[in-house]
C-alpha cells in the first residue's frame, strides 16, 4: 500500500457538513495532516435532463451541467443490462440531440466520465 486511501462520501443528511469517525485497525497507525487529505471536485451535476421523456421514435435531447470540458460517454442499456447504444463524444453544458433506432420500451441511459456515472430512466413509445 502506498499510503493513499480513497474514500467514497455521500451526502447523508442533505447538508454540506459531514462527520468522519476513524477507528484504528491493527497495531500500525499513521496520522494525516491537512495537506494530505483532499476531496476531488464533483465533475457532473446530478440534475441530468432527458426530454421529451417518454420519447416518440427514440429521439430525445439530453442536457447536464459540468465544470469539465472533457467529453462524456452516453450508453443506453436495455432493462436487463445489455448495452444497445453508445456515443463517446457527449458535451456538457449544451443540449445534445440523440437519435436512436430503439424499439418501444423502458431503457437506462448512463452518462459517464472516468469514475463518475449518472443513470436516468428513459421511455420510448
Protein backbone atom coordinates (compact mmCIF):
# COMPACT_ATOMS: atom_id res chain seq x y z
CA UNK A 1 0.00 0.00 0.00
CA UNK A 2 1.37 3.41 -0.96
CA UNK A 3 -0.20 5.34 1.93
CA UNK A 4 -3.08 6.72 -0.14
CA UNK A 5 -6.59 5.70 0.82
CA UNK A 6 -9.60 6.75 -1.26
CA UNK A 7 -12.95 7.24 0.46
CA UNK A 8 -16.33 7.49 -1.23
CA UNK A 9 -18.57 10.00 0.53
CA UNK A 10 -22.29 10.60 0.16
CA UNK A 11 -24.42 13.47 1.42
CA UNK A 12 -26.41 11.62 4.09
CA UNK A 13 -28.27 14.45 5.82
CA UNK A 14 -28.77 16.86 2.93
CA UNK A 15 -26.15 19.32 4.18
CA UNK A 16 -22.57 20.13 3.29
CA UNK A 17 -21.38 19.23 6.82
CA UNK A 18 -20.07 15.72 7.36
CA UNK A 19 -18.73 13.93 10.44
CA UNK A 20 -15.90 11.44 9.99
CA UNK A 21 -15.08 8.80 12.57
CA UNK A 22 -11.91 6.77 12.22
CA UNK A 23 -11.21 3.58 14.12
CA UNK A 24 -7.76 2.12 14.49
CA UNK A 25 -7.48 -1.32 12.91
CA UNK A 26 -4.38 -3.29 13.78
CA UNK A 27 -1.23 -2.17 15.54
CA UNK A 28 0.03 0.30 12.95
CA UNK A 29 -1.34 3.81 12.83
CA UNK A 30 -0.28 6.92 10.98
CA UNK A 31 -1.50 10.46 11.34
CA UNK A 32 -2.59 12.53 8.40
CA UNK A 33 -2.02 16.22 8.18
CA UNK A 34 -4.28 18.65 6.37
CA UNK A 35 -2.22 18.85 3.19
CA UNK A 36 -2.57 15.09 2.58
CA UNK A 37 -6.36 14.98 2.72
CA UNK A 38 -8.14 16.02 -0.47
CA UNK A 39 -11.58 15.60 -1.94
CA UNK A 40 -11.88 15.76 -5.71
CA UNK A 41 -14.44 18.16 -7.14
CA UNK A 42 -17.60 16.58 -8.45
CA UNK A 43 -17.36 16.80 -12.22
CA UNK A 44 -21.01 16.42 -13.21
CA UNK A 45 -24.22 17.87 -11.85
CA UNK A 46 -26.67 15.17 -10.85
CA UNK A 47 -29.52 17.15 -12.43
CA UNK A 48 -29.47 15.48 -15.86
CA UNK A 49 -32.39 16.45 -18.09
CA UNK A 50 -33.71 13.99 -20.67
CA UNK A 51 -36.63 15.26 -22.74
CA UNK A 52 -39.09 14.51 -24.11
CA UNK A 53 -39.49 11.54 -21.85
CA UNK A 54 -41.36 9.47 -22.92
CA UNK A 55 -39.82 9.83 -26.36
CA UNK A 56 -41.54 9.24 -29.67
CA UNK A 57 -39.47 7.09 -32.02
CA UNK A 58 -36.30 7.06 -29.92
CA UNK A 59 -35.36 10.73 -30.38
CA UNK A 60 -34.65 12.89 -27.35
CA UNK A 61 -32.50 15.71 -26.01
CA UNK A 62 -30.13 15.43 -23.11
CA UNK A 63 -28.62 18.23 -21.02
CA UNK A 64 -26.34 18.26 -17.98
CA UNK A 65 -24.00 20.79 -16.41
CA UNK A 66 -20.36 20.11 -15.66
CA UNK A 67 -17.19 22.00 -14.81
CA UNK A 68 -15.17 19.74 -17.08
CA UNK A 69 -14.54 20.42 -20.78
CA UNK A 70 -13.86 16.74 -21.44
CA UNK A 71 -16.19 14.53 -23.45
CA UNK A 72 -18.62 12.22 -21.71
CA UNK A 73 -19.97 8.86 -22.81
CA UNK A 74 -23.64 8.02 -23.16
CA UNK A 75 -24.63 4.36 -23.10
CA UNK A 76 -28.23 3.21 -23.30
CA UNK A 77 -28.95 -0.17 -21.74
CA UNK A 78 -31.92 -2.47 -22.01
CA UNK A 79 -33.73 -3.10 -18.76
CA UNK A 80 -31.79 -6.38 -18.42
CA UNK A 81 -28.43 -4.58 -18.66
CA UNK A 82 -27.42 -5.12 -22.31
CA UNK A 83 -25.75 -2.10 -23.96
CA UNK A 84 -27.76 -1.09 -27.04
CA UNK A 85 -26.49 2.39 -27.98
CA UNK A 86 -23.28 4.29 -27.26
CA UNK A 87 -21.69 7.61 -28.10
CA UNK A 88 -18.40 8.82 -26.64
CA UNK A 89 -18.44 12.48 -27.62
CA UNK A 90 -21.18 13.95 -25.44
CA UNK A 91 -20.52 17.55 -24.39
CA UNK A 92 -21.70 19.12 -21.16
CA UNK A 93 -23.47 22.48 -20.77
CA UNK A 94 -25.21 22.16 -24.14
CA UNK A 95 -28.32 20.42 -25.44
CA UNK A 96 -27.44 17.19 -27.23
CA UNK A 97 -29.88 15.69 -29.73
CA UNK A 98 -29.83 11.89 -29.60
CA UNK A 99 -31.40 9.74 -32.31
CA UNK A 100 -31.65 6.01 -31.70
CA UNK A 101 -33.41 3.19 -33.50
CA UNK A 102 -34.54 1.54 -30.30
CA UNK A 103 -37.91 -0.19 -30.10
CA UNK A 104 -40.67 0.86 -27.72
CA UNK A 105 -39.75 0.11 -24.13
CA UNK A 106 -38.00 1.22 -20.95
CA UNK A 107 -34.24 1.82 -21.03
CA UNK A 108 -31.48 3.13 -18.78
CA UNK A 109 -29.29 5.97 -20.07
CA UNK A 110 -25.89 6.21 -18.35
CA UNK A 111 -23.71 9.29 -18.71
CA UNK A 112 -20.15 8.64 -17.60
CA UNK A 113 -16.70 10.17 -17.41
CA UNK A 114 -13.97 8.28 -15.57
CA UNK A 115 -15.49 7.14 -12.25
CA UNK A 116 -18.49 9.49 -12.41
CA UNK A 117 -21.71 7.83 -13.58
CA UNK A 118 -25.27 9.17 -13.67
CA UNK A 119 -28.17 6.94 -14.76
CA UNK A 120 -31.62 8.05 -15.94
CA UNK A 121 -34.63 6.01 -16.95
CA UNK A 122 -35.96 6.75 -20.44
CA UNK A 123 -39.15 5.52 -22.06
CA UNK A 124 -39.58 5.14 -25.82
CA UNK A 125 -43.14 4.98 -27.13
